[in-house]
PDB file of N, CA and C in Angstrom:
ATOM      1  N   UNK A   1      35.288   5.663  -0.246  1.00  0.00           N
ATOM      2  CA  UNK A   1      34.308   5.015   0.575  1.00  0.00           C
ATOM      3  C   UNK A   1      32.933   5.292  -0.020  1.00  0.00           C
ATOM      4  N   UNK A   2      32.100   4.276  -0.034  1.00  0.00           N
ATOM      5  CA  UNK A   2      30.707   4.417  -0.443  1.00  0.00           C
ATOM      6  C   UNK A   2      29.851   4.036   0.744  1.00  0.00           C
ATOM      7  N   UNK A   3      28.941   4.910   1.115  1.00  0.00           N
ATOM      8  CA  UNK A   3      28.037   4.671   2.234  1.00  0.00           C
ATOM      9  C   UNK A   3      26.620   4.740   1.702  1.00  0.00           C
ATOM     10  N   UNK A   4      25.906   3.602   1.682  1.00  0.00           N
ATOM     11  CA  UNK A   4      24.537   3.553   1.177  1.00  0.00           C
ATOM     12  C   UNK A   4      23.583   3.224   2.317  1.00  0.00           C
ATOM     13  N   UNK A   5      22.454   3.903   2.337  1.00  0.00           N
ATOM     14  CA  UNK A   5      21.410   3.600   3.316  1.00  0.00           C
ATOM     15  C   UNK A   5      20.055   3.631   2.616  1.00  0.00           C
ATOM     16  N   UNK A   6      19.129   2.828   3.128  1.00  0.00           N
ATOM     17  CA  UNK A   6      17.762   2.850   2.623  1.00  0.00           C
ATOM     18  C   UNK A   6      16.985   3.791   3.520  1.00  0.00           C
ATOM     19  N   UNK A   7      16.599   4.968   2.978  1.00  0.00           N
ATOM     20  CA  UNK A   7      15.885   5.964   3.766  1.00  0.00           C
ATOM     21  C   UNK A   7      14.416   5.568   3.936  1.00  0.00           C
ATOM     22  N   UNK A   8      13.700   5.520   2.871  1.00  0.00           N
ATOM     23  CA  UNK A   8      12.301   5.104   2.867  1.00  0.00           C
ATOM     24  C   UNK A   8      12.134   4.247   1.622  1.00  0.00           C
ATOM     25  N   UNK A   9      12.127   2.924   1.824  1.00  0.00           N
ATOM     26  CA  UNK A   9      12.131   1.984   0.706  1.00  0.00           C
ATOM     27  C   UNK A   9      11.165   2.443  -0.372  1.00  0.00           C
ATOM     28  N   UNK A  10      11.556   2.417  -1.595  1.00  0.00           N
ATOM     29  CA  UNK A  10      12.801   1.869  -2.135  1.00  0.00           C
ATOM     30  C   UNK A  10      13.891   2.911  -2.376  1.00  0.00           C
ATOM     31  N   UNK A  11      13.852   4.051  -1.729  1.00  0.00           N
ATOM     32  CA  UNK A  11      14.836   5.106  -1.972  1.00  0.00           C
ATOM     33  C   UNK A  11      16.152   4.822  -1.256  1.00  0.00           C
ATOM     34  N   UNK A  12      17.250   4.984  -2.002  1.00  0.00           N
ATOM     35  CA  UNK A  12      18.590   4.812  -1.458  1.00  0.00           C
ATOM     36  C   UNK A  12      19.236   6.191  -1.370  1.00  0.00           C
ATOM     37  N   UNK A  13      19.955   6.430  -0.309  1.00  0.00           N
ATOM     38  CA  UNK A  13      20.713   7.658  -0.178  1.00  0.00           C
ATOM     39  C   UNK A  13      22.092   7.317   0.361  1.00  0.00           C
ATOM     40  N   UNK A  14      23.011   8.211   0.235  1.00  0.00           N
ATOM     41  CA  UNK A  14      24.341   7.942   0.773  1.00  0.00           C
ATOM     42  C   UNK A  14      25.360   8.938   0.272  1.00  0.00           C
ATOM     43  N   UNK A  15      26.615   8.580   0.467  1.00  0.00           N
ATOM     44  CA  UNK A  15      27.736   9.434   0.072  1.00  0.00           C
ATOM     45  C   UNK A  15      28.790   8.597  -0.631  1.00  0.00           C
ATOM     46  N   UNK A  16      29.458   9.243  -1.582  1.00  0.00           N
ATOM     47  CA  UNK A  16      30.590   8.666  -2.290  1.00  0.00           C
ATOM     48  C   UNK A  16      31.769   9.578  -1.979  1.00  0.00           C
ATOM     49  N   UNK A  17      32.794   9.029  -1.329  1.00  0.00           N
ATOM     50  CA  UNK A  17      33.937   9.844  -0.914  1.00  0.00           C
ATOM     51  C   UNK A  17      35.249   9.177  -1.303  1.00  0.00           C
ATOM     52  N   UNK A  18      36.114   9.950  -1.940  1.00  0.00           N
ATOM     53  CA  UNK A  18      37.479   9.526  -2.233  1.00  0.00           C
ATOM     54  C   UNK A  18      38.360  10.710  -1.847  1.00  0.00           C
ATOM     55  N   UNK A  19      38.893  10.663  -0.655  1.00  0.00           N
ATOM     56  CA  UNK A  19      39.636  11.798  -0.102  1.00  0.00           C
ATOM     57  C   UNK A  19      40.817  12.197  -0.983  1.00  0.00           C
ATOM     58  N   UNK A  20      41.560  11.223  -1.510  1.00  0.00           N
ATOM     59  CA  UNK A  20      42.753  11.516  -2.309  1.00  0.00           C
ATOM     60  C   UNK A  20      42.429  12.305  -3.577  1.00  0.00           C
ATOM     61  N   UNK A  21      41.209  12.162  -4.106  1.00  0.00           N
ATOM     62  CA  UNK A  21      40.809  12.884  -5.318  1.00  0.00           C
ATOM     63  C   UNK A  21      39.915  14.076  -5.019  1.00  0.00           C
ATOM     64  N   UNK A  22      39.612  14.307  -3.749  1.00  0.00           N
ATOM     65  CA  UNK A  22      38.757  15.427  -3.377  1.00  0.00           C
ATOM     66  C   UNK A  22      37.297  15.216  -3.734  1.00  0.00           C
ATOM     67  N   UNK A  23      36.842  13.948  -3.758  1.00  0.00           N
ATOM     68  CA  UNK A  23      35.451  13.651  -4.106  1.00  0.00           C
ATOM     69  C   UNK A  23      34.635  13.473  -2.830  1.00  0.00           C
ATOM     70  N   UNK A  24      33.516  14.159  -2.760  1.00  0.00           N
ATOM     71  CA  UNK A  24      32.542  13.988  -1.681  1.00  0.00           C
ATOM     72  C   UNK A  24      31.193  14.355  -2.269  1.00  0.00           C
ATOM     73  N   UNK A  25      30.411  13.347  -2.664  1.00  0.00           N
ATOM     74  CA  UNK A  25      29.170  13.603  -3.388  1.00  0.00           C
ATOM     75  C   UNK A  25      28.027  12.752  -2.860  1.00  0.00           C
ATOM     76  N   UNK A  26      26.798  13.279  -2.943  1.00  0.00           N
ATOM     77  CA  UNK A  26      25.645  12.482  -2.538  1.00  0.00           C
ATOM     78  C   UNK A  26      25.319  11.424  -3.588  1.00  0.00           C
ATOM     79  N   UNK A  27      24.767  10.310  -3.137  1.00  0.00           N
ATOM     80  CA  UNK A  27      24.309   9.232  -4.012  1.00  0.00           C
ATOM     81  C   UNK A  27      22.790   9.195  -3.939  1.00  0.00           C
ATOM     82  N   UNK A  28      22.148   9.048  -5.088  1.00  0.00           N
ATOM     83  CA  UNK A  28      20.699   8.899  -5.156  1.00  0.00           C
ATOM     84  C   UNK A  28      20.421   7.594  -5.880  1.00  0.00           C
ATOM     85  N   UNK A  29      19.466   6.812  -5.377  1.00  0.00           N
ATOM     86  CA  UNK A  29      19.163   5.561  -6.041  1.00  0.00           C
ATOM     87  C   UNK A  29      17.839   4.969  -5.603  1.00  0.00           C
ATOM     88  N   UNK A  30      17.518   3.828  -6.218  1.00  0.00           N
ATOM     89  CA  UNK A  30      16.308   3.081  -5.896  1.00  0.00           C
ATOM     90  C   UNK A  30      16.686   1.613  -5.778  1.00  0.00           C
ATOM     91  N   UNK A  31      16.022   0.929  -4.860  1.00  0.00           N
ATOM     92  CA  UNK A  31      16.351  -0.469  -4.611  1.00  0.00           C
ATOM     93  C   UNK A  31      15.127  -1.361  -4.724  1.00  0.00           C
ATOM     94  N   UNK A  32      15.383  -2.589  -5.186  1.00  0.00           N
ATOM     95  CA  UNK A  32      14.401  -3.671  -5.114  1.00  0.00           C
ATOM     96  C   UNK A  32      15.064  -4.772  -4.297  1.00  0.00           C
ATOM     97  N   UNK A  33      14.455  -5.929  -4.242  1.00  0.00           N
ATOM     98  CA  UNK A  33      15.018  -7.028  -3.450  1.00  0.00           C
ATOM     99  C   UNK A  33      16.373  -7.495  -3.983  1.00  0.00           C
ATOM    100  N   UNK A  34      16.622  -7.351  -5.289  1.00  0.00           N
ATOM    101  CA  UNK A  34      17.858  -7.872  -5.874  1.00  0.00           C
ATOM    102  C   UNK A  34      18.640  -6.870  -6.704  1.00  0.00           C
ATOM    103  N   UNK A  35      18.200  -5.613  -6.773  1.00  0.00           N
ATOM    104  CA  UNK A  35      18.836  -4.640  -7.667  1.00  0.00           C
ATOM    105  C   UNK A  35      18.879  -3.263  -7.016  1.00  0.00           C
ATOM    106  N   UNK A  36      19.965  -2.548  -7.276  1.00  0.00           N
ATOM    107  CA  UNK A  36      20.105  -1.162  -6.831  1.00  0.00           C
ATOM    108  C   UNK A  36      20.491  -0.332  -8.051  1.00  0.00           C
ATOM    109  N   UNK A  37      19.691   0.671  -8.377  1.00  0.00           N
ATOM    110  CA  UNK A  37      19.999   1.593  -9.471  1.00  0.00           C
ATOM    111  C   UNK A  37      20.546   2.880  -8.849  1.00  0.00           C
ATOM    112  N   UNK A  38      21.729   3.298  -9.286  1.00  0.00           N
ATOM    113  CA  UNK A  38      22.380   4.474  -8.694  1.00  0.00           C
ATOM    114  C   UNK A  38      22.614   5.565  -9.728  1.00  0.00           C
ATOM    115  N   UNK A  39      22.558   6.792  -9.261  1.00  0.00           N
ATOM    116  CA  UNK A  39      22.827   7.987 -10.051  1.00  0.00           C
ATOM    117  C   UNK A  39      23.729   8.874  -9.214  1.00  0.00           C
ATOM    118  N   UNK A  40      24.866   9.230  -9.746  1.00  0.00           N
ATOM    119  CA  UNK A  40      25.845   9.966  -8.956  1.00  0.00           C
ATOM    120  C   UNK A  40      26.540  11.003  -9.833  1.00  0.00           C
ATOM    121  N   UNK A  41      26.472  12.257  -9.435  1.00  0.00           N
ATOM    122  CA  UNK A  41      27.206  13.332 -10.116  1.00  0.00           C
ATOM    123  C   UNK A  41      28.236  13.859  -9.135  1.00  0.00           C
ATOM    124  N   UNK A  42      29.468  14.017  -9.603  1.00  0.00           N
ATOM    125  CA  UNK A  42      30.512  14.480  -8.688  1.00  0.00           C
ATOM    126  C   UNK A  42      31.601  15.233  -9.416  1.00  0.00           C
ATOM    127  N   UNK A  43      32.368  15.957  -8.647  1.00  0.00           N
ATOM    128  CA  UNK A  43      33.521  16.708  -9.135  1.00  0.00           C
ATOM    129  C   UNK A  43      34.785  16.049  -8.610  1.00  0.00           C
ATOM    130  N   UNK A  44      35.778  15.890  -9.479  1.00  0.00           N
ATOM    131  CA  UNK A  44      37.084  15.371  -9.079  1.00  0.00           C
ATOM    132  C   UNK A  44      38.018  16.574  -9.017  1.00  0.00           C
ATOM    133  N   UNK A  45      38.200  17.098  -7.804  1.00  0.00           N
ATOM    134  CA  UNK A  45      39.025  18.300  -7.638  1.00  0.00           C
ATOM    135  C   UNK A  45      40.451  18.088  -8.135  1.00  0.00           C
ATOM    136  N   UNK A  46      41.010  16.912  -7.886  1.00  0.00           N
ATOM    137  CA  UNK A  46      42.392  16.632  -8.270  1.00  0.00           C
ATOM    138  C   UNK A  46      42.592  16.680  -9.786  1.00  0.00           C
ATOM    139  N   UNK A  47      41.534  16.410 -10.566  1.00  0.00           N
ATOM    140  CA  UNK A  47      41.625  16.427 -12.026  1.00  0.00           C
ATOM    141  C   UNK A  47      40.908  17.632 -12.638  1.00  0.00           C
ATOM    142  N   UNK A  48      40.275  18.458 -11.786  1.00  0.00           N
ATOM    143  CA  UNK A  48      39.534  19.639 -12.221  1.00  0.00           C
ATOM    144  C   UNK A  48      38.484  19.291 -13.275  1.00  0.00           C
ATOM    145  N   UNK A  49      37.613  18.305 -12.952  1.00  0.00           N
ATOM    146  CA  UNK A  49      36.570  17.912 -13.892  1.00  0.00           C
ATOM    147  C   UNK A  49      35.326  17.421 -13.147  1.00  0.00           C
ATOM    148  N   UNK A  50      34.205  17.436 -13.865  1.00  0.00           N
ATOM    149  CA  UNK A  50      32.931  16.945 -13.357  1.00  0.00           C
ATOM    150  C   UNK A  50      32.520  15.726 -14.166  1.00  0.00           C
ATOM    151  N   UNK A  51      31.748  14.830 -13.538  1.00  0.00           N
ATOM    152  CA  UNK A  51      31.313  13.639 -14.247  1.00  0.00           C
ATOM    153  C   UNK A  51      30.062  13.057 -13.601  1.00  0.00           C
ATOM    154  N   UNK A  52      29.430  12.128 -14.292  1.00  0.00           N
ATOM    155  CA  UNK A  52      28.291  11.401 -13.739  1.00  0.00           C
ATOM    156  C   UNK A  52      28.546   9.908 -13.861  1.00  0.00           C
ATOM    157  N   UNK A  53      28.025   9.178 -12.914  1.00  0.00           N
ATOM    158  CA  UNK A  53      28.133   7.718 -12.881  1.00  0.00           C
ATOM    159  C   UNK A  53      26.725   7.183 -12.730  1.00  0.00           C
ATOM    160  N   UNK A  54      26.257   6.384 -13.684  1.00  0.00           N
ATOM    161  CA  UNK A  54      24.921   5.808 -13.615  1.00  0.00           C
ATOM    162  C   UNK A  54      25.002   4.323 -13.919  1.00  0.00           C
ATOM    163  N   UNK A  55      24.171   3.543 -13.260  1.00  0.00           N
ATOM    164  CA  UNK A  55      24.156   2.118 -13.531  1.00  0.00           C
ATOM    165  C   UNK A  55      23.378   1.345 -12.504  1.00  0.00           C
ATOM    166  N   UNK A  56      23.484   0.029 -12.616  1.00  0.00           N
ATOM    167  CA  UNK A  56      22.754  -0.891 -11.754  1.00  0.00           C
ATOM    168  C   UNK A  56      23.708  -1.850 -11.066  1.00  0.00           C
ATOM    169  N   UNK A  57      23.400  -2.127  -9.809  1.00  0.00           N
ATOM    170  CA  UNK A  57      24.101  -3.167  -9.059  1.00  0.00           C
ATOM    171  C   UNK A  57      23.101  -4.282  -8.778  1.00  0.00           C
ATOM    172  N   UNK A  58      23.558  -5.511  -8.920  1.00  0.00           N
ATOM    173  CA  UNK A  58      22.716  -6.667  -8.638  1.00  0.00           C
ATOM    174  C   UNK A  58      23.368  -7.518  -7.564  1.00  0.00           C
ATOM    175  N   UNK A  59      22.556  -8.244  -6.826  1.00  0.00           N
ATOM    176  CA  UNK A  59      23.075  -9.186  -5.838  1.00  0.00           C
ATOM    177  C   UNK A  59      23.495 -10.449  -6.584  1.00  0.00           C
ATOM    178  N   UNK A  60      24.805 -10.754  -6.659  1.00  0.00           N
ATOM    179  CA  UNK A  60      25.278 -11.897  -7.451  1.00  0.00           C
ATOM    180  C   UNK A  60      25.195 -13.227  -6.719  1.00  0.00           C
ATOM    181  N   UNK A  61      24.418 -13.315  -5.663  1.00  0.00           N
ATOM    182  CA  UNK A  61      24.300 -14.557  -4.923  1.00  0.00           C
ATOM    183  C   UNK A  61      25.295 -14.682  -3.785  1.00  0.00           C
ATOM    184  N   UNK A  62      26.063 -13.653  -3.532  1.00  0.00           N
ATOM    185  CA  UNK A  62      27.017 -13.663  -2.426  1.00  0.00           C
ATOM    186  C   UNK A  62      26.519 -12.700  -1.355  1.00  0.00           C
ATOM    187  N   UNK A  63      26.349 -13.154  -0.134  1.00  0.00           N
ATOM    188  CA  UNK A  63      25.829 -12.281   0.914  1.00  0.00           C
ATOM    189  C   UNK A  63      26.678 -11.025   1.102  1.00  0.00           C
ATOM    190  N   UNK A  64      26.010  -9.871   1.145  1.00  0.00           N
ATOM    191  CA  UNK A  64      26.710  -8.619   1.402  1.00  0.00           C
ATOM    192  C   UNK A  64      27.456  -8.041   0.224  1.00  0.00           C
ATOM    193  N   UNK A  65      27.253  -8.566  -0.973  1.00  0.00           N
ATOM    194  CA  UNK A  65      27.985  -8.065  -2.145  1.00  0.00           C
ATOM    195  C   UNK A  65      27.016  -7.629  -3.236  1.00  0.00           C
ATOM    196  N   UNK A  66      27.326  -6.480  -3.858  1.00  0.00           N
ATOM    197  CA  UNK A  66      26.586  -5.991  -5.018  1.00  0.00           C
ATOM    198  C   UNK A  66      27.592  -5.751  -6.136  1.00  0.00           C
ATOM    199  N   UNK A  67      27.212  -6.100  -7.369  1.00  0.00           N
ATOM    200  CA  UNK A  67      28.110  -5.903  -8.512  1.00  0.00           C
ATOM    201  C   UNK A  67      27.284  -5.478  -9.715  1.00  0.00           C
ATOM    202  N   UNK A  68      27.894  -4.682 -10.604  1.00  0.00           N
ATOM    203  CA  UNK A  68      27.170  -4.273 -11.794  1.00  0.00           C
ATOM    204  C   UNK A  68      27.992  -3.423 -12.737  1.00  0.00           C
ATOM    205  N   UNK A  69      27.339  -2.995 -13.816  1.00  0.00           N
ATOM    206  CA  UNK A  69      27.969  -2.178 -14.852  1.00  0.00           C
ATOM    207  C   UNK A  69      27.532  -0.730 -14.709  1.00  0.00           C
ATOM    208  N   UNK A  70      28.455   0.178 -15.020  1.00  0.00           N
ATOM    209  CA  UNK A  70      28.187   1.600 -14.895  1.00  0.00           C
ATOM    210  C   UNK A  70      28.707   2.357 -16.091  1.00  0.00           C
ATOM    211  N   UNK A  71      28.090   3.486 -16.364  1.00  0.00           N
ATOM    212  CA  UNK A  71      28.531   4.403 -17.404  1.00  0.00           C
ATOM    213  C   UNK A  71      29.093   5.639 -16.721  1.00  0.00           C
ATOM    214  N   UNK A  72      30.328   5.967 -17.044  1.00  0.00           N
ATOM    215  CA  UNK A  72      30.994   7.169 -16.547  1.00  0.00           C
ATOM    216  C   UNK A  72      31.016   8.162 -17.694  1.00  0.00           C
ATOM    217  N   UNK A  73      30.375   9.317 -17.516  1.00  0.00           N
ATOM    218  CA  UNK A  73      30.246  10.284 -18.596  1.00  0.00           C
ATOM    219  C   UNK A  73      30.522  11.686 -18.069  1.00  0.00           C
ATOM    220  N   UNK A  74      31.176  12.491 -18.859  1.00  0.00           N
ATOM    221  CA  UNK A  74      31.501  13.858 -18.473  1.00  0.00           C
ATOM    222  C   UNK A  74      32.962  14.143 -18.737  1.00  0.00           C
ATOM    223  N   UNK A  75      33.419  15.291 -18.284  1.00  0.00           N
ATOM    224  CA  UNK A  75      34.782  15.728 -18.559  1.00  0.00           C
ATOM    225  C   UNK A  75      35.838  14.771 -18.021  1.00  0.00           C
ATOM    226  N   UNK A  76      35.564  14.084 -16.918  1.00  0.00           N
ATOM    227  CA  UNK A  76      36.553  13.168 -16.331  1.00  0.00           C
ATOM    228  C   UNK A  76      36.746  11.899 -17.162  1.00  0.00           C
ATOM    229  N   UNK A  77      35.785  11.598 -18.049  1.00  0.00           N
ATOM    230  CA  UNK A  77      35.906  10.383 -18.852  1.00  0.00           C
ATOM    231  C   UNK A  77      36.576  10.627 -20.194  1.00  0.00           C
ATOM    232  N   UNK A  78      37.024  11.830 -20.440  1.00  0.00           N
ATOM    233  CA  UNK A  78      37.687  12.121 -21.705  1.00  0.00           C
ATOM    234  C   UNK A  78      36.677  12.398 -22.806  1.00  0.00           C
ATOM    235  N   UNK A  79      37.035  12.065 -24.042  1.00  0.00           N
ATOM    236  CA  UNK A  79      36.174  12.362 -25.190  1.00  0.00           C
ATOM    237  C   UNK A  79      34.932  11.493 -25.244  1.00  0.00           C
ATOM    238  N   UNK A  80      35.047  10.228 -24.844  1.00  0.00           N
ATOM    239  CA  UNK A  80      33.936   9.289 -24.940  1.00  0.00           C
ATOM    240  C   UNK A  80      33.539   8.779 -23.564  1.00  0.00           C
ATOM    241  N   UNK A  81      32.261   8.461 -23.391  1.00  0.00           N
ATOM    242  CA  UNK A  81      31.844   7.840 -22.130  1.00  0.00           C
ATOM    243  C   UNK A  81      32.565   6.510 -21.942  1.00  0.00           C
ATOM    244  N   UNK A  82      32.773   6.141 -20.689  1.00  0.00           N
ATOM    245  CA  UNK A  82      33.457   4.887 -20.369  1.00  0.00           C
ATOM    246  C   UNK A  82      32.504   3.965 -19.624  1.00  0.00           C
ATOM    247  N   UNK A  83      32.570   2.677 -19.958  1.00  0.00           N
ATOM    248  CA  UNK A  83      31.796   1.672 -19.236  1.00  0.00           C
ATOM    249  C   UNK A  83      32.735   0.953 -18.288  1.00  0.00           C
ATOM    250  N   UNK A  84      32.240   0.652 -17.101  1.00  0.00           N
ATOM    251  CA  UNK A  84      33.092  -0.025 -16.122  1.00  0.00           C
ATOM    252  C   UNK A  84      32.251  -0.929 -15.241  1.00  0.00           C
ATOM    253  N   UNK A  85      32.929  -1.732 -14.448  1.00  0.00           N
ATOM    254  CA  UNK A  85      32.278  -2.621 -13.486  1.00  0.00           C
ATOM    255  C   UNK A  85      32.569  -2.090 -12.095  1.00  0.00           C
ATOM    256  N   UNK A  86      31.615  -2.280 -11.214  1.00  0.00           N
ATOM    257  CA  UNK A  86      31.749  -1.845  -9.837  1.00  0.00           C
ATOM    258  C   UNK A  86      31.259  -2.960  -8.923  1.00  0.00           C
ATOM    259  N   UNK A  87      32.009  -3.242  -7.884  1.00  0.00           N
ATOM    260  CA  UNK A  87      31.593  -4.223  -6.889  1.00  0.00           C
ATOM    261  C   UNK A  87      31.716  -3.590  -5.513  1.00  0.00           C
ATOM    262  N   UNK A  88      30.667  -3.739  -4.716  1.00  0.00           N
ATOM    263  CA  UNK A  88      30.644  -3.217  -3.357  1.00  0.00           C
ATOM    264  C   UNK A  88      30.439  -4.369  -2.390  1.00  0.00           C
ATOM    265  N   UNK A  89      31.238  -4.405  -1.335  1.00  0.00           N
ATOM    266  CA  UNK A  89      31.080  -5.387  -0.271  1.00  0.00           C
ATOM    267  C   UNK A  89      30.611  -4.671   0.973  1.00  0.00           C
ATOM    268  N   UNK A  90      29.674  -5.289   1.677  1.00  0.00           N
ATOM    269  CA  UNK A  90      29.188  -4.698   2.914  1.00  0.00           C
ATOM    270  C   UNK A  90      30.239  -4.907   4.008  1.00  0.00           C
ATOM    271  N   UNK A  91      30.519  -3.842   4.731  1.00  0.00           N
ATOM    272  CA  UNK A  91      31.458  -3.900   5.849  1.00  0.00           C
ATOM    273  C   UNK A  91      30.638  -3.685   7.108  1.00  0.00           C
ATOM    274  N   UNK A  92      30.587  -4.714   7.980  1.00  0.00           N
ATOM    275  CA  UNK A  92      29.761  -4.576   9.200  1.00  0.00           C
ATOM    276  C   UNK A  92      30.349  -3.578  10.183  1.00  0.00           C
TER     277      UNK A  92
END
Protein backbone atom coordinates (compact mmCIF):
# COMPACT_ATOMS: atom_id res chain seq x y z
CA UNK A 1 0.00 0.00 0.00
CA UNK A 2 1.18 3.51 -0.79
CA UNK A 3 -0.38 6.39 1.13
CA UNK A 4 0.54 9.88 -0.12
CA UNK A 5 -0.61 13.18 1.36
CA UNK A 6 0.24 16.80 0.63
CA UNK A 7 1.33 18.25 3.98
CA UNK A 8 2.27 21.80 3.04
CA UNK A 9 2.39 22.24 -0.73
CA UNK A 10 4.54 21.29 -2.47
CA UNK A 11 5.77 18.77 0.14
CA UNK A 12 4.49 15.20 -0.10
CA UNK A 13 4.58 12.79 2.80
CA UNK A 14 3.28 9.30 3.29
CA UNK A 15 4.03 5.64 3.87
CA UNK A 16 5.02 2.71 1.69
CA UNK A 17 3.90 -0.61 3.18
CA UNK A 18 4.15 -4.18 1.90
CA UNK A 19 3.23 -6.43 4.81
CA UNK A 20 4.30 -9.68 3.10
CA UNK A 21 7.87 -8.35 2.69
CA UNK A 22 8.04 -6.54 6.03
CA UNK A 23 8.29 -3.09 4.41
CA UNK A 24 7.03 -0.02 6.27
CA UNK A 25 8.85 3.15 5.25
CA UNK A 26 8.20 6.89 5.08
CA UNK A 27 7.91 8.57 1.67
CA UNK A 28 9.34 12.04 1.03
CA UNK A 29 8.55 14.00 -2.10
CA UNK A 30 7.62 17.23 -3.85
CA UNK A 31 4.64 17.92 -6.06
CA UNK A 32 3.69 20.31 -8.83
CA UNK A 33 0.39 20.46 -10.71
CA UNK A 34 1.40 17.54 -12.98
CA UNK A 35 4.43 15.84 -11.40
CA UNK A 36 5.39 14.11 -8.16
CA UNK A 37 9.06 13.46 -7.36
CA UNK A 38 9.54 10.73 -4.73
CA UNK A 39 12.47 9.55 -2.63
CA UNK A 40 12.07 6.39 -0.61
CA UNK A 41 14.59 4.36 1.41
CA UNK A 42 13.42 1.09 2.90
CA UNK A 43 14.43 -2.28 4.26
CA UNK A 44 13.00 -5.54 2.92
CA UNK A 45 13.04 -7.77 5.99
CA UNK A 46 12.03 -10.86 4.01
CA UNK A 47 15.14 -10.49 1.79
CA UNK A 48 17.43 -9.00 4.49
CA UNK A 49 18.42 -6.00 2.36
CA UNK A 50 18.13 -2.21 2.14
CA UNK A 51 17.38 -0.18 -0.96
CA UNK A 52 16.32 3.21 -2.29
CA UNK A 53 13.65 4.08 -4.84
CA UNK A 54 13.82 7.46 -6.58
CA UNK A 55 11.90 8.84 -9.52
CA UNK A 56 9.08 10.92 -10.90
CA UNK A 57 5.39 10.28 -11.37
CA UNK A 58 3.41 12.27 -13.91
CA UNK A 59 -0.32 12.66 -14.45
CA UNK A 60 -0.87 10.77 -17.75
CA UNK A 61 -4.20 12.46 -18.46
CA UNK A 62 -6.27 9.93 -16.53
CA UNK A 63 -8.04 11.24 -13.43
CA UNK A 64 -6.63 9.82 -10.20
CA UNK A 65 -3.66 8.07 -11.83
CA UNK A 66 0.08 8.77 -11.62
CA UNK A 67 2.71 6.87 -13.62
CA UNK A 68 6.46 7.15 -14.05
CA UNK A 69 9.96 5.68 -14.09
CA UNK A 70 11.99 4.83 -11.02
CA UNK A 71 15.50 3.74 -10.14
CA UNK A 72 15.83 0.96 -7.56
CA UNK A 73 19.34 0.94 -6.09
CA UNK A 74 20.93 -0.87 -3.17
CA UNK A 75 21.40 -4.41 -1.92
CA UNK A 76 17.86 -5.47 -2.92
CA UNK A 77 18.54 -4.65 -6.58
CA UNK A 78 21.49 -7.01 -6.88
CA UNK A 79 24.76 -5.96 -8.52
CA UNK A 80 23.31 -3.22 -10.74
CA UNK A 81 20.62 -0.61 -10.21
CA UNK A 82 17.28 -1.50 -11.78
CA UNK A 83 14.92 0.79 -13.67
CA UNK A 84 11.20 0.16 -13.42
CA UNK A 85 7.79 1.68 -14.02
CA UNK A 86 5.31 2.48 -11.30
CA UNK A 87 1.64 3.36 -11.59
CA UNK A 88 -0.54 4.52 -8.71
CA UNK A 89 -4.32 4.81 -8.81
CA UNK A 90 -6.21 6.90 -6.31
CA UNK A 91 -8.61 4.88 -4.18
CA UNK A 92 -11.41 7.03 -2.73
